[in-house]
Amino acid sequence: MDDKLFEFIADLTTSALKRDHPIFEVFREQWNVARKYLRQGKLEFTGVGFYYYYLIPEPVRKLSIRSWTLGDIGGYVNGDYVYCRLHIGEGMLEAIDGRVLDEWPQVIHEYIVKPPSWSTEEIEPLIQSLIRKNPALGFELEQLQRGQKPN
């Protein structure tokens, strides 16, 4: 298995979660656990990209988010742009995927991770939409902002 692919996945995830909003605090905590099991997660290739499914076998905090996808992340692998998405399912980091316009390379020689393109102001309406769908998330975020742990 290409070590650089796991490095790319780790750097993508870290970058995707480096945002100034309390919701990402919980996902960073989950990532701190998942990172320890990076090579044990499930990796699937599609021909033009990959799907990586996080393994989080330890107890972690979750949020009341049934499904959410962040599509503002990406980077370059061997000079080709990689379109990526981070998937949240049942309040947990679920998967990250990446794809190129051509064939996925057999070996990664170099990569660059681009910072997320959405600002905190652009993320906020998405989070408010999640709260409208599930008011419990609003309560959990209030607890986080007060420095309390959501139940």
C-alpha atoms as a PDB file:
ATOM      1  CA  MET A   1       0.000   0.000   0.000  1.00  0.00           C
ATOM      2  CA  ASP A   2       1.266   3.458  -0.885  1.00  0.00           C
ATOM      3  CA  ASP A   3       2.368   5.234   2.329  1.00  0.00           C
ATOM      4  CA  LYS A   4       1.898   8.595   0.620  1.00  0.00           C
ATOM      5  CA  LEU A   5      -1.808   7.877   0.108  1.00  0.00           C
ATOM      6  CA  PHE A   6      -2.288   7.425   3.857  1.00  0.00           C
ATOM      7  CA  GLU A   7      -0.290  10.627   4.439  1.00  0.00           C
ATOM      8  CA  PHE A   8      -2.509  12.418   1.900  1.00  0.00           C
ATOM      9  CA  ILE A   9      -5.681  11.134   3.615  1.00  0.00           C
ATOM     10  CA  ALA A  10      -4.358  12.213   7.024  1.00  0.00           C
ATOM     11  CA  ASP A  11      -3.370  15.669   5.793  1.00  0.00           C
ATOM     12  CA  LEU A  12      -6.701  16.108   3.963  1.00  0.00           C
ATOM     13  CA  THR A  13      -8.663  15.177   7.075  1.00  0.00           C
ATOM     14  CA  THR A  14      -6.613  17.462   9.303  1.00  0.00           C
ATOM     15  CA  SER A  15      -7.074  20.334   6.857  1.00  0.00           C
ATOM     16  CA  ALA A  16     -10.826  19.717   6.468  1.00  0.00           C
ATOM     17  CA  LEU A  17     -11.309  19.862  10.243  1.00  0.00           C
ATOM     18  CA  LYS A  18      -9.151  22.941  10.843  1.00  0.00           C
ATOM     19  CA  ARG A  19     -12.077  25.335  11.038  1.00  0.00           C
ATOM     20  CA  ASP A  20     -13.102  27.931  13.569  1.00  0.00           C
ATOM     21  CA  HIS A  21     -16.473  26.575  14.672  1.00  0.00           C
ATOM     22  CA  PRO A  22     -17.338  24.475  17.760  1.00  0.00           C
ATOM     23  CA  ILE A  23     -18.866  21.703  15.648  1.00  0.00           C
ATOM     24  CA  PHE A  24     -15.407  20.832  14.352  1.00  0.00           C
ATOM     25  CA  GLU A  25     -14.018  20.417  17.877  1.00  0.00           C
ATOM     26  CA  VAL A  26     -15.946  17.137  18.198  1.00  0.00           C
ATOM     27  CA  PHE A  27     -14.827  15.938  14.766  1.00  0.00           C
ATOM     28  CA  ARG A  28     -11.198  16.771  15.609  1.00  0.00           C
ATOM     29  CA  GLU A  29     -11.534  14.641  18.760  1.00  0.00           C
ATOM     30  CA  GLN A  30     -12.851  11.780  16.610  1.00  0.00           C
ATOM     31  CA  TRP A  31      -9.994  12.291  14.142  1.00  0.00           C
ATOM     32  CA  ASN A  32      -7.455  12.087  16.985  1.00  0.00           C
ATOM     33  CA  VAL A  33      -8.747   8.559  17.650  1.00  0.00           C
ATOM     34  CA  ALA A  34      -9.178   7.555  13.991  1.00  0.00           C
ATOM     35  CA  ARG A  35      -5.634   8.697  13.155  1.00  0.00           C
ATOM     36  CA  LYS A  36      -4.238   5.974  15.455  1.00  0.00           C
ATOM     37  CA  TYR A  37      -6.076   3.386  13.321  1.00  0.00           C
ATOM     38  CA  LEU A  38      -5.421   5.002   9.938  1.00  0.00           C
ATOM     39  CA  ARG A  39      -4.034   1.868   8.279  1.00  0.00           C
ATOM     40  CA  GLN A  40      -6.841  -0.310   9.673  1.00  0.00           C
ATOM     41  CA  GLY A  41      -9.590   1.781   8.074  1.00  0.00           C
ATOM     42  CA  LYS A  42     -11.218   0.465   4.904  1.00  0.00           C
ATOM     43  CA  LEU A  43      -9.716   1.742   1.648  1.00  0.00           C
ATOM     44  CA  GLU A  44     -11.445   1.169  -1.694  1.00  0.00           C
ATOM     45  CA  PHE A  45     -10.222   2.216  -5.132  1.00  0.00           C
ATOM     46  CA  THR A  46     -12.633   3.237  -7.887  1.00  0.00           C
ATOM     47  CA  GLY A  47     -10.276   3.550 -10.845  1.00  0.00           C
ATOM     48  CA  VAL A  48     -10.396   7.347 -10.764  1.00  0.00           C
ATOM     49  CA  GLY A  49     -10.011   7.726  -7.018  1.00  0.00           C
ATOM     50  CA  PHE A  50     -10.571   6.250  -3.606  1.00  0.00           C
ATOM     51  CA  TYR A  51     -12.962   5.971  -0.684  1.00  0.00           C
ATOM     52  CA  TYR A  52     -11.463   5.720   2.767  1.00  0.00           C
ATOM     53  CA  TYR A  53     -13.700   4.701   5.702  1.00  0.00           C
ATOM     54  CA  TYR A  54     -12.485   5.803   9.127  1.00  0.00           C
ATOM     55  CA  LEU A  55     -12.125   3.281  11.930  1.00  0.00           C
ATOM     56  CA  ILE A  56     -13.012   4.703  15.347  1.00  0.00           C
ATOM     57  CA  PRO A  57     -13.131   1.728  17.740  1.00  0.00           C
ATOM     58  CA  GLU A  58     -12.870   3.784  20.941  1.00  0.00           C
ATOM     59  CA  PRO A  59     -15.697   5.724  22.627  1.00  0.00           C
ATOM     60  CA  VAL A  60     -15.915   9.308  21.348  1.00  0.00           C
ATOM     61  CA  ARG A  61     -18.370  12.184  21.520  1.00  0.00           C
ATOM     62  CA  LYS A  62     -20.910  12.353  18.710  1.00  0.00           C
ATOM     63  CA  LEU A  63     -23.221  15.060  17.484  1.00  0.00           C
ATOM     64  CA  SER A  64     -26.825  14.762  16.298  1.00  0.00           C
ATOM     65  CA  ILE A  65     -26.010  14.914  12.599  1.00  0.00           C
ATOM     66  CA  ARG A  66     -27.530  12.144  10.522  1.00  0.00           C
ATOM     67  CA  SER A  67     -25.662  12.949   7.309  1.00  0.00           C
ATOM     68  CA  TRP A  68     -23.434  15.822   6.173  1.00  0.00           C
ATOM     69  CA  THR A  69     -20.888  16.129   3.374  1.00  0.00           C
ATOM     70  CA  LEU A  70     -18.223  18.811   3.120  1.00  0.00           C
ATOM     71  CA  GLY A  71     -17.101  19.227  -0.463  1.00  0.00           C
ATOM     72  CA  ASP A  72     -14.731  22.171  -0.229  1.00  0.00           C
ATOM     73  CA  ILE A  73     -11.512  20.201   0.209  1.00  0.00           C
ATOM     74  CA  GLY A  74      -8.975  18.926  -2.248  1.00  0.00           C
ATOM     75  CA  GLY A  75      -5.431  19.124  -3.437  1.00  0.00           C
ATOM     76  CA  TYR A  76      -3.010  17.827  -6.018  1.00  0.00           C
ATOM     77  CA  VAL A  77      -1.528  14.364  -6.487  1.00  0.00           C
ATOM     78  CA  ASN A  78       1.359  14.094  -8.928  1.00  0.00           C
ATOM     79  CA  GLY A  79       0.255  17.431 -10.381  1.00  0.00           C
ATOM     80  CA  ASP A  80      -3.404  16.430 -10.981  1.00  0.00           C
ATOM     81  CA  TYR A  81      -6.196  18.121  -9.047  1.00  0.00           C
ATOM     82  CA  VAL A  82      -8.045  15.814  -6.630  1.00  0.00           C
ATOM     83  CA  TYR A  83     -11.681  16.631  -5.822  1.00  0.00           C
ATOM     84  CA  CYS A  84     -12.455  15.481  -2.275  1.00  0.00           C
ATOM     85  CA  ARG A  85     -15.395  15.218   0.105  1.00  0.00           C
ATOM     86  CA  LEU A  86     -15.542  14.514   3.825  1.00  0.00           C
ATOM     87  CA  HIS A  87     -18.587  12.503   4.919  1.00  0.00           C
ATOM     88  CA  ILE A  88     -20.183  12.659   8.370  1.00  0.00           C
ATOM     89  CA  GLY A  89     -22.676   9.921   9.239  1.00  0.00           C
ATOM     90  CA  GLU A  90     -24.620   9.465  12.472  1.00  0.00           C
ATOM     91  CA  GLY A  91     -22.537  12.163  14.142  1.00  0.00           C
ATOM     92  CA  MET A  92     -19.209  10.531  13.305  1.00  0.00           C
ATOM     93  CA  LEU A  93     -16.426  10.916  10.782  1.00  0.00           C
ATOM     94  CA  GLU A  94     -17.496   8.312   8.266  1.00  0.00           C
ATOM     95  CA  ALA A  95     -15.413   8.560   5.091  1.00  0.00           C
ATOM     96  CA  ILE A  96     -13.332  10.736   2.842  1.00  0.00           C
ATOM     97  CA  ASP A  97     -13.165  10.317  -0.894  1.00  0.00           C
ATOM     98  CA  GLY A  98     -11.027  11.731  -3.634  1.00  0.00           C
ATOM     99  CA  ARG A  99     -11.108  11.540  -7.410  1.00  0.00           C
ATOM    100  CA  VAL A 100      -9.190  12.851 -10.379  1.00  0.00           C
ATOM    101  CA  LEU A 101     -10.365  13.420 -13.941  1.00  0.00           C
ATOM    102  CA  ASP A 102      -8.208  10.599 -15.294  1.00  0.00           C
ATOM    103  CA  GLU A 103      -6.933   7.363 -13.749  1.00  0.00           C
ATOM    104  CA  TRP A 104      -5.857   7.326 -10.130  1.00  0.00           C
ATOM    105  CA  PRO A 105      -2.046   6.963 -10.000  1.00  0.00           C
ATOM    106  CA  GLN A 106      -0.463   3.674  -8.947  1.00  0.00           C
ATOM    107  CA  VAL A 107       2.136   5.569  -6.895  1.00  0.00           C
ATOM    108  CA  ILE A 108       1.954   9.018  -5.331  1.00  0.00           C
ATOM    109  CA  HIS A 109       5.245  10.831  -5.822  1.00  0.00           C
ATOM    110  CA  GLU A 110       4.085  14.153  -4.427  1.00  0.00           C
ATOM    111  CA  TYR A 111       0.934  15.771  -3.148  1.00  0.00           C
ATOM    112  CA  ILE A 112      -0.342  19.129  -1.984  1.00  0.00           C
ATOM    113  CA  VAL A 113      -3.387  19.627   0.239  1.00  0.00           C
ATOM    114  CA  LYS A 114      -5.305  22.858  -0.328  1.00  0.00           C
ATOM    115  CA  PRO A 115      -7.012  24.521   2.644  1.00  0.00           C
ATOM    116  CA  PRO A 116     -10.827  24.339   2.722  1.00  0.00           C
ATOM    117  CA  SER A 117     -12.363  26.923   0.427  1.00  0.00           C
ATOM    118  CA  TRP A 118     -15.367  27.764   2.628  1.00  0.00           C
ATOM    119  CA  SER A 119     -14.878  30.400   5.324  1.00  0.00           C
ATOM    120  CA  THR A 120     -16.504  30.206   8.751  1.00  0.00           C
ATOM    121  CA  GLU A 121     -19.141  32.629   7.461  1.00  0.00           C
ATOM    122  CA  GLU A 122     -19.903  30.295   4.540  1.00  0.00           C
ATOM    123  CA  ILE A 123     -20.062  27.208   6.793  1.00  0.00           C
ATOM    124  CA  GLU A 124     -22.448  28.823   9.297  1.00  0.00           C
ATOM    125  CA  PRO A 125     -25.571  28.689   7.035  1.00  0.00           C
ATOM    126  CA  LEU A 126     -24.887  24.987   6.404  1.00  0.00           C
ATOM    127  CA  ILE A 127     -24.694  24.347  10.141  1.00  0.00           C
ATOM    128  CA  GLN A 128     -27.884  26.358  10.725  1.00  0.00           C
ATOM    129  CA  SER A 129     -29.592  24.159   8.133  1.00  0.00           C
ATOM    130  CA  LEU A 130     -28.469  21.066  10.057  1.00  0.00           C
ATOM    131  CA  ILE A 131     -29.858  22.584  13.279  1.00  0.00           C
ATOM    132  CA  ARG A 132     -33.239  23.293  11.635  1.00  0.00           C
ATOM    133  CA  LYS A 133     -33.415  19.621  10.647  1.00  0.00           C
ATOM    134  CA  ASN A 134     -32.398  18.487  14.127  1.00  0.00           C
ATOM    135  CA  PRO A 135     -32.854  20.956  17.005  1.00  0.00           C
ATOM    136  CA  ALA A 136     -30.893  18.650  19.355  1.00  0.00           C
ATOM    137  CA  LEU A 137     -27.766  19.703  17.464  1.00  0.00           C
ATOM    138  CA  GLY A 138     -28.429  23.318  18.434  1.00  0.00           C
ATOM    139  CA  PHE A 139     -28.510  22.317  22.103  1.00  0.00           C
ATOM    140  CA  GLU A 140     -25.278  20.319  21.704  1.00  0.00           C
ATOM    141  CA  LEU A 141     -23.540  23.284  20.073  1.00  0.00           C
ATOM    142  CA  GLU A 142     -24.692  25.579  22.905  1.00  0.00           C
ATOM    143  CA  GLN A 143     -23.118  23.142  25.380  1.00  0.00           C
ATOM    144  CA  LEU A 144     -19.875  23.142  23.391  1.00  0.00           C
ATOM    145  CA  GLN A 145     -19.781  26.937  23.303  1.00  0.00           C
ATOM    146  CA  ARG A 146     -20.179  26.980  27.101  1.00  0.00           C
ATOM    147  CA  GLY A 147     -17.312  24.517  27.446  1.00  0.00           C
ATOM    148  CA  GLN A 148     -19.579  21.630  28.415  1.00  0.00           C
ATOM    149  CA  LYS A 149     -19.499  18.186  26.876  1.00  0.00           C
ATOM    150  CA  PRO A 150     -22.614  17.221  24.878  1.00  0.00           C
ATOM    151  CA  ASN A 151     -24.289  14.079  26.209  1.00  0.00           C
END
